[in-house]
Protein backbone atom coordinates (compact mmCIF):
# COMPACT_ATOMS: atom_id res chain seq x y z
CA MET A 1 -11.21 -38.67 7.31
CA LYS A 2 -14.00 -36.05 8.27
CA LYS A 3 -12.75 -36.24 11.71
CA LEU A 4 -9.44 -35.69 10.86
CA LEU A 5 -10.12 -32.58 8.25
CA ASN A 6 -11.93 -31.36 11.26
CA MET A 7 -9.01 -31.32 13.77
CA LEU A 8 -6.87 -29.99 11.32
CA PHE A 9 -9.40 -27.12 10.33
CA ILE A 10 -9.53 -26.30 13.95
CA LEU A 11 -5.50 -26.46 14.57
CA VAL A 12 -4.99 -24.07 11.80
CA PHE A 13 -7.42 -21.36 13.14
CA SER A 14 -6.02 -22.23 16.71
CA SER A 15 -2.41 -21.73 15.81
CA SER A 16 -2.23 -18.36 15.40
CA ILE A 17 -2.29 -15.96 18.42
CA TYR A 18 -1.70 -12.67 17.37
CA ALA A 19 -3.02 -10.29 14.59
CA GLY A 20 -0.62 -9.30 11.99
CA GLY A 21 0.00 -5.99 9.87
CA ALA A 22 -0.74 -7.04 6.57
CA SER A 23 -3.69 -5.58 4.94
CA MET A 24 -6.40 -7.35 2.98
CA GLY A 25 -6.05 -10.59 1.49
CA SER A 26 -4.41 -10.37 -2.19
CA ASN A 27 -5.49 -12.02 -5.15
CA GLN A 28 -4.20 -15.35 -4.81
CA GLY A 29 -5.36 -15.65 -8.96
CA HIS A 30 -3.56 -17.29 -11.89
CA ASN A 31 -1.11 -14.15 -12.34
CA ALA A 32 -0.15 -13.92 -8.38
CA MET A 33 3.07 -16.10 -9.13
CA SER A 34 6.64 -15.43 -8.22
CA SER A 35 9.08 -15.35 -11.09
CA ALA A 36 12.84 -15.70 -12.13
CA LYS A 37 14.45 -13.46 -14.71
CA SER A 38 16.78 -14.92 -16.87
CA SER A 39 19.81 -12.93 -18.39
CA SER A 40 17.68 -13.05 -22.02
CA GLY A 41 15.32 -11.39 -20.47
CA VAL A 42 12.12 -14.23 -20.46
CA HIS A 43 10.57 -14.53 -16.61
CA PHE A 44 9.99 -18.24 -15.92
CA TYR A 45 7.55 -18.73 -12.92
CA GLY A 46 5.39 -21.58 -11.55
CA ARG A 47 2.85 -23.04 -9.21
CA MET A 48 2.36 -26.93 -7.52
CA TYR A 49 -0.70 -27.65 -5.71
CA ILE A 50 -2.14 -30.80 -4.32
CA GLY A 51 -5.13 -31.50 -2.47
CA TYR A 52 -7.39 -33.75 -0.98
CA ASP A 53 -11.14 -33.34 -0.67
CA ASP A 54 -14.48 -34.63 0.40
CA LYS A 55 -17.07 -33.63 -1.45
CA GLN A 56 -21.18 -34.92 -0.85
CA THR A 57 -24.11 -34.28 -2.72
CA GLY A 58 -27.27 -34.26 -0.46
CA SER A 59 -27.44 -37.87 0.37
CA ALA A 60 -25.16 -39.34 -1.83
CA ALA A 61 -21.68 -40.94 -0.58
CA ASP A 62 -18.79 -39.01 -0.22
CA VAL A 63 -16.67 -38.95 -3.00
CA GLU A 64 -12.98 -38.09 -1.84
CA ASN A 65 -10.21 -36.87 -3.77
CA LEU A 66 -6.15 -36.47 -3.80
CA ASP A 67 -5.66 -34.50 -7.08
CA ASP A 68 -5.37 -30.94 -8.57
CA GLY A 69 -8.90 -31.00 -10.24
CA GLY A 70 -9.15 -27.63 -10.76
CA SER A 71 -5.86 -27.63 -12.49
CA LYS A 72 -4.52 -24.58 -10.37
CA SER A 73 -0.90 -25.58 -10.71
CA ARG A 74 0.48 -23.67 -13.45
CA LEU A 75 3.97 -23.41 -15.78
CA GLY A 76 4.77 -20.36 -17.80
CA LEU A 77 6.91 -17.34 -19.01
CA LYS A 78 6.65 -13.57 -19.63
CA PHE A 79 8.82 -11.80 -21.88
CA THR A 80 9.48 -8.03 -22.55
CA GLU A 81 11.78 -6.92 -25.45
CA SER A 82 12.18 -2.79 -26.02
CA LEU A 83 11.49 -1.52 -29.76
CA GLY A 84 12.55 2.05 -28.78
CA SER A 85 10.26 4.48 -28.70
CA GLY A 86 7.97 4.31 -25.65
CA LEU A 87 7.37 0.82 -27.30
CA GLN A 88 7.70 -2.80 -26.21
CA LEU A 89 7.32 -6.17 -27.16
CA VAL A 90 4.98 -8.39 -24.43
CA GLY A 91 4.50 -11.60 -24.00
CA ASN A 92 2.81 -14.64 -22.13
CA LEU A 93 2.50 -18.01 -22.15
CA GLU A 94 0.68 -20.04 -19.68
CA TYR A 95 -0.15 -24.00 -19.12
CA LYS A 96 -2.09 -25.50 -16.22
CA PHE A 97 -2.04 -29.13 -15.25
CA ASP A 98 -2.68 -31.88 -12.29
CA ILE A 99 0.14 -33.68 -11.00
CA GLY A 100 -2.37 -35.50 -8.95
CA ASP A 101 -3.64 -37.53 -12.08
CA GLY A 102 -1.60 -36.48 -15.11
CA THR A 103 -4.62 -34.63 -16.56
CA SER A 104 -5.05 -31.63 -17.51
CA THR A 105 -9.00 -31.11 -17.18
CA ASN A 106 -11.22 -31.95 -13.65
CA GLU A 107 -12.19 -36.01 -13.99
CA THR A 108 -12.56 -36.23 -17.65
CA SER A 109 -12.71 -40.09 -19.09
CA CYS A 110 -10.21 -40.39 -21.38
CA ALA A 111 -11.56 -43.70 -22.36
CA SER A 112 -13.20 -42.37 -26.22
CA THR A 113 -11.06 -39.91 -28.68
CA SER A 114 -14.11 -37.51 -28.16
CA GLU A 115 -12.41 -36.75 -25.03
CA ALA A 116 -8.90 -36.93 -26.21
CA SER A 117 -8.33 -33.61 -26.28
CA SER A 118 -9.10 -33.12 -22.97
CA CYS A 119 -6.69 -35.17 -21.55
CA ARG A 120 -3.71 -33.41 -22.16
CA THR A 121 -1.27 -33.06 -19.34
CA PHE A 122 -0.67 -29.34 -20.38
CA ASP A 123 -3.44 -27.71 -21.04
CA LEU A 124 -3.35 -24.07 -22.53
CA HIS A 125 -4.06 -21.51 -20.19
CA VAL A 126 -2.79 -17.74 -21.30
CA GLY A 127 -0.92 -17.38 -24.47
CA ASN A 128 -0.08 -13.87 -26.16
CA LEU A 129 1.60 -11.34 -27.69
CA GLY A 130 1.28 -7.69 -28.15
CA PHE A 131 3.06 -4.22 -27.24
CA LYS A 132 3.20 -1.88 -24.90
CA THR A 133 2.71 1.92 -25.63
CA PRO A 134 2.34 5.02 -24.18
CA PHE A 135 -1.81 5.09 -24.94
CA GLY A 136 -1.69 1.28 -23.17
CA TYR A 137 -1.34 -2.40 -24.07
CA ILE A 138 -2.47 -3.97 -27.38
CA GLY A 139 -2.20 -7.42 -27.97
CA ALA A 140 -3.72 -11.20 -29.52
CA GLY A 141 -4.26 -14.38 -28.00
CA THR A 142 -5.44 -16.19 -24.89
CA PHE A 143 -6.69 -14.09 -22.02
CA GLU A 144 -7.89 -14.33 -18.66
CA SER A 145 -11.03 -12.22 -18.64
CA PRO A 146 -11.68 -9.00 -17.18
CA TYR A 147 -14.33 -10.31 -15.64
CA LYS A 148 -11.90 -12.96 -13.58
CA THR A 149 -9.37 -10.69 -12.73
CA MET A 150 -11.11 -7.34 -11.89
CA GLY A 151 -12.20 -8.10 -8.71
CA GLN A 152 -11.05 -11.29 -8.04
CA PHE A 153 -11.15 -11.86 -4.34
CA ASP A 154 -11.47 -15.54 -3.74
CA ASN A 155 -8.15 -17.31 -1.73
CA ASN A 156 -9.07 -20.98 -3.04
CA MET A 157 -9.77 -20.35 -6.83
CA ASP A 158 -9.10 -23.34 -8.70
CA THR A 159 -9.44 -25.95 -5.77
CA ALA A 160 -12.05 -27.79 -4.36
CA ILE A 161 -13.44 -25.39 -2.27
CA ALA A 162 -13.81 -22.71 -4.73
CA LEU A 163 -16.73 -20.11 -4.65
CA ASN A 164 -17.49 -20.21 -7.95
CA GLU A 165 -18.00 -24.45 -7.69
CA HIS A 166 -20.54 -23.84 -4.77
CA GLY A 167 -22.61 -20.80 -6.11
CA GLY A 168 -20.30 -18.22 -4.67
CA THR A 169 -20.00 -16.49 -7.28
CA SER A 170 -20.70 -17.24 -10.76
CA GLN A 171 -19.04 -20.72 -12.77
CA GLY A 172 -18.30 -21.52 -16.29
CA ASN A 173 -16.43 -20.28 -19.01
CA SER A 174 -18.48 -16.67 -19.02
CA GLY A 175 -18.32 -15.98 -15.26
CA ILE A 176 -15.40 -15.61 -12.67
CA ALA A 177 -13.18 -18.64 -13.52
CA GLY A 178 -13.27 -17.51 -17.54
CA ASN A 179 -10.16 -17.39 -19.70
CA VAL A 180 -10.88 -15.83 -23.80
CA GLU A 181 -9.43 -17.67 -26.59
CA SER A 182 -8.85 -15.75 -30.11
CA MET A 183 -9.21 -12.39 -28.48
CA ILE A 184 -7.89 -8.84 -29.30
CA ALA A 185 -7.26 -6.38 -26.48
CA TYR A 186 -6.88 -3.28 -25.04
CA SER A 187 -6.45 -2.39 -21.67
CA VAL A 188 -4.71 1.43 -20.01
CA THR A 189 -4.29 2.54 -16.26
CA ALA A 190 -4.52 6.28 -16.02
CA GLY A 191 -4.54 7.34 -11.99
CA PRO A 192 -7.10 5.30 -10.52
CA ALA A 193 -8.94 4.00 -13.54
CA THR A 194 -8.55 0.87 -14.98
CA PHE A 195 -10.22 -0.30 -18.41
CA ALA A 196 -9.85 -2.98 -20.35
CA TYR A 197 -11.94 -4.54 -23.62
CA MET A 198 -11.43 -7.89 -25.05
CA VAL A 199 -13.48 -8.66 -28.26
CA GLY A 200 -13.48 -12.68 -30.62
CA VAL A 201 -12.08 -12.27 -33.60
CA SER A 202 -12.54 -16.18 -35.15
CA ASP A 203 -15.73 -17.25 -36.50
CA SER A 204 -17.35 -20.55 -35.20
CA ARG A 205 -18.90 -21.36 -38.59
CA GLY A 206 -15.17 -22.18 -39.88
CA SER A 207 -14.83 -26.04 -39.68
CA ASN A 208 -11.25 -25.36 -38.27
CA ASP A 209 -12.27 -23.14 -35.08
CA ASN A 210 -11.57 -24.65 -31.67
CA THR A 211 -11.99 -21.89 -29.81
CA ASN A 212 -14.32 -21.44 -26.57
CA THR A 213 -15.45 -17.53 -28.18
CA ASP A 214 -17.31 -16.71 -31.37
CA GLN A 215 -16.87 -13.70 -33.40
CA SER A 216 -18.24 -10.51 -31.37
CA ASP A 217 -18.15 -11.97 -27.95
CA TYR A 218 -16.46 -9.33 -25.19
CA ALA A 219 -15.30 -9.32 -22.41
CA LEU A 220 -14.61 -5.60 -20.75
CA GLY A 221 -13.96 -4.21 -17.07
CA LEU A 222 -13.56 -0.73 -15.70
CA GLN A 223 -11.99 -0.42 -12.28
CA PHE A 224 -11.06 2.88 -9.75
CA LYS A 225 -8.89 2.30 -6.60
CA ASP A 226 -7.71 4.22 -4.43
CA MET A 227 -9.93 7.56 -6.24
CA LEU A 228 -12.66 8.41 -3.17
CA VAL A 229 -11.25 6.86 0.08
CA HIS A 230 -7.72 5.00 0.49
CA GLY A 231 -8.08 1.48 0.54
CA LEU A 232 -11.38 1.75 -1.17
CA THR A 233 -11.85 -0.81 -4.91
CA ILE A 234 -15.07 -0.06 -7.06
CA GLY A 235 -15.55 -1.40 -10.12
CA TYR A 236 -17.80 -3.13 -12.87
CA SER A 237 -17.39 -6.25 -15.26
CA ARG A 238 -18.65 -7.69 -18.27
CA SER A 239 -19.68 -11.16 -19.89
CA HIS A 240 -20.55 -11.19 -23.25
CA ASP A 241 -21.83 -13.86 -25.60
CA GLN A 242 -22.90 -12.72 -29.22
CA SER A 243 -23.96 -16.18 -30.47
CA VAL A 244 -27.02 -16.52 -28.80
CA SER A 245 -29.47 -18.43 -31.21
CA GLY A 246 -32.31 -15.92 -32.27
CA GLY A 247 -31.21 -13.05 -30.48
CA SER A 248 -28.17 -10.26 -30.14
CA GLY A 249 -26.84 -11.94 -28.00
CA GLU A 250 -26.57 -12.58 -23.89
CA SER A 251 -24.85 -10.55 -20.85
CA ASN A 252 -23.09 -11.40 -17.60
CA ASP A 253 -23.03 -8.28 -15.58
CA ARG A 254 -20.91 -7.56 -11.98
CA PHE A 255 -20.82 -4.91 -9.25
CA TYR A 256 -17.86 -5.48 -6.62
CA ALA A 257 -15.93 -2.90 -4.18
CA SER A 258 -13.39 -3.92 -1.26
CA MET A 259 -12.25 -2.00 1.54
CA LYS A 260 -9.20 -2.16 3.96
CA VAL A 261 -11.04 -1.81 7.10
CA LEU A 262 -8.25 -2.32 9.36
CA PRO A 263 -4.41 -2.53 8.63
CA ASN A 264 -5.33 -6.39 8.77
CA MET A 265 -8.83 -6.91 7.54
CA GLY A 266 -10.32 -6.10 4.26
CA VAL A 267 -13.99 -6.47 3.28
CA PHE A 268 -15.86 -7.26 -0.03
CA VAL A 269 -19.03 -7.32 -2.04
CA SER A 270 -20.41 -8.08 -5.65
CA HIS A 271 -23.75 -8.56 -7.19
CA GLU A 272 -23.72 -10.68 -10.36
CA ASP A 273 -26.41 -10.50 -12.55
CA LEU A 274 -26.06 -13.44 -14.74
CA SER A 275 -27.86 -14.11 -18.11
CA ILE A 276 -25.61 -16.84 -20.05
CA ALA A 277 -26.12 -20.35 -19.85
CA GLY A 278 -24.21 -21.94 -17.67
CA SER A 279 -22.87 -19.02 -15.80
CA TYR A 280 -25.60 -19.55 -12.65
CA ASN A 281 -25.41 -23.41 -13.13
CA ALA A 282 -26.77 -25.99 -15.64
CA SER A 283 -30.72 -25.26 -15.44
CA THR A 284 -31.48 -21.45 -14.88
CA VAL A 285 -29.93 -18.04 -14.77
CA GLY A 286 -30.35 -15.76 -12.07
CA ASP A 287 -28.29 -12.76 -9.61
CA ILE A 288 -25.59 -13.73 -7.13
CA ARG A 289 -24.46 -11.51 -4.11
CA THR A 290 -21.59 -11.86 -2.47
CA ILE A 291 -20.24 -10.54 0.58
CA GLY A 292 -17.03 -11.86 2.66
CA THR A 293 -13.99 -10.66 4.65
CA HIS A 294 -10.56 -11.58 4.97
CA TYR A 295 -8.52 -11.35 8.26
CA LYS A 296 -4.57 -11.58 8.59
CA MET A 297 -3.62 -12.96 12.26
CA GLY A 298 0.26 -13.77 12.18
CA MET A 299 1.33 -16.10 9.54
CA THR A 300 -2.32 -17.18 8.21
CA ASP A 301 -5.01 -15.53 6.32
CA LEU A 302 -8.39 -16.34 7.13
CA GLN A 303 -11.59 -15.81 4.67
CA LEU A 304 -15.37 -15.94 5.71
CA VAL A 305 -17.53 -15.50 2.61
CA TYR A 306 -21.77 -15.91 2.42
CA ALA A 307 -23.42 -15.72 -0.55
CA LYS A 308 -26.57 -16.07 -1.98
CA GLY A 309 -28.03 -16.94 -5.26
CA ASP A 310 -31.37 -15.74 -6.38
CA SER A 311 -32.81 -17.72 -9.85
CA ASP A 312 -35.02 -16.34 -12.32
CA GLY A 313 -36.58 -20.19 -12.64
CA ALA A 314 -37.88 -22.28 -10.00
CA ALA A 315 -37.32 -21.64 -6.36
CA THR A 316 -35.54 -24.86 -6.38
CA ASN A 317 -32.59 -23.20 -7.57
CA ASP A 318 -32.54 -20.72 -4.78
CA TYR A 319 -29.17 -21.33 -2.20
CA LYS A 320 -27.47 -19.84 0.29
CA THR A 321 -23.21 -20.79 0.35
CA LEU A 322 -20.77 -20.34 3.77
CA GLY A 323 -17.30 -20.80 3.35
CA VAL A 324 -14.53 -20.53 5.57
CA SER A 325 -11.22 -21.26 5.08
CA ALA A 326 -7.66 -20.85 6.52
CA GLN A 327 -4.13 -20.23 4.56
CA MET A 328 -1.23 -20.93 6.82
CA ASN A 329 1.87 -19.14 5.07
CA LEU A 330 5.15 -21.53 5.93
CA SER A 331 7.33 -19.01 3.89
CA LYS A 332 6.83 -16.30 1.17
CA SER A 333 6.60 -19.49 -1.32
CA THR A 334 4.44 -22.01 0.05
CA ASP A 335 1.45 -22.31 1.98
CA LEU A 336 -1.19 -24.74 3.38
CA THR A 337 -4.86 -24.17 2.93
CA ILE A 338 -7.52 -25.98 4.89
CA GLY A 339 -11.59 -25.15 4.27
CA TYR A 340 -15.41 -25.89 4.71
CA ILE A 341 -17.52 -24.66 2.12
CA LYS A 342 -21.49 -25.55 1.90
CA GLN A 343 -23.89 -24.61 -0.66
CA ASP A 344 -27.48 -25.04 0.90
CA PHE A 345 -30.29 -24.99 -1.84
CA ASP A 346 -33.42 -23.19 -0.26
CA SER A 347 -36.39 -26.15 -1.66
CA THR A 348 -34.47 -29.27 -2.04
CA GLY A 349 -31.91 -32.09 -0.83
CA SER A 350 -29.29 -31.55 -3.05
CA ASP A 351 -26.56 -29.07 -0.67
CA ILE A 352 -23.63 -29.88 -1.84
CA THR A 353 -20.89 -29.80 1.00
CA THR A 354 -16.81 -30.00 0.57
CA ARG A 355 -14.23 -30.15 3.21
CA GLY A 356 -10.31 -29.89 1.69
CA ILE A 357 -6.67 -29.26 2.40
CA GLY A 358 -4.37 -28.03 -0.22
CA LEU A 359 -0.61 -27.55 -0.03
CA THR A 360 0.90 -25.14 -2.71
CA HIS A 361 4.07 -23.98 -3.50
CA LYS A 362 5.16 -20.69 -5.83
CA PHE A 363 8.42 -20.26 -8.11
């Protein structure tokens, strides 16, 4: 199967023989999906994904899966209702699911009662209500964190070859993949600047609190686009965990930038200073520096990324990550992606190598 994936990888890269005129690969995150509008003003949208991946950790035997373990598949709706005087009520509801094995959580055992809530077919990803005003948006519910939505460069997010699964970016709910529950949110765009802030409301001491945040947890982001140079985006984002025992909380901080350097090519960089447990890896905290490029060749979007992780703990947690992928856009709604990524630890034999291929359709 490795030989087959390698052949397919070569085929995808060699299939495009001319450079297209598109700009840097656009964000392929959770909200980059097409939608259909009904007469009631409700927009229904979705995405279906299925992928095969071959993953090896250290000298252990390969593990092969055919599923959507990252729950890239989505089903959602949005609506807008005008209330007059420049005020609008807006809502968004989005569920994630796995068409490969029918459970919404990656490779979770469903044998015990304690795992039952993780084995639902559909799992809430986003759900919020709020008001859009001339002075910005204010709402409440479950959101994707600004730490995720601002400066999201990975075309392979929520798949087996995602950067955050191999140390290319932060991991966990306080990292690049975070969605935050029970939050009050505010965001505003003024000229080239966009600001977003979310703060947790529910108290985890309550017996009925099932949220993934605690009271006073917060996330924020500030981004500038095309302000100094056309095609340049710079930004800063933070996730803060207030619930750290015996202290004033811990934060993850991220600085990032992207630049369109050619009509069909863009580059991006980011630096993450990670102090929240589980964001660097399960053992320690540290810094991650990432640099990459997107390049458009005809119907194919290429992504090449290099990252370096510097642990605050033992040197055995330092690593380098290299990832390469090609996304063939078969139509405006369908793409086929094949990729390879390796997290190479400096002092141990626990390297993680993943090869994958996946098919996506948006509607």
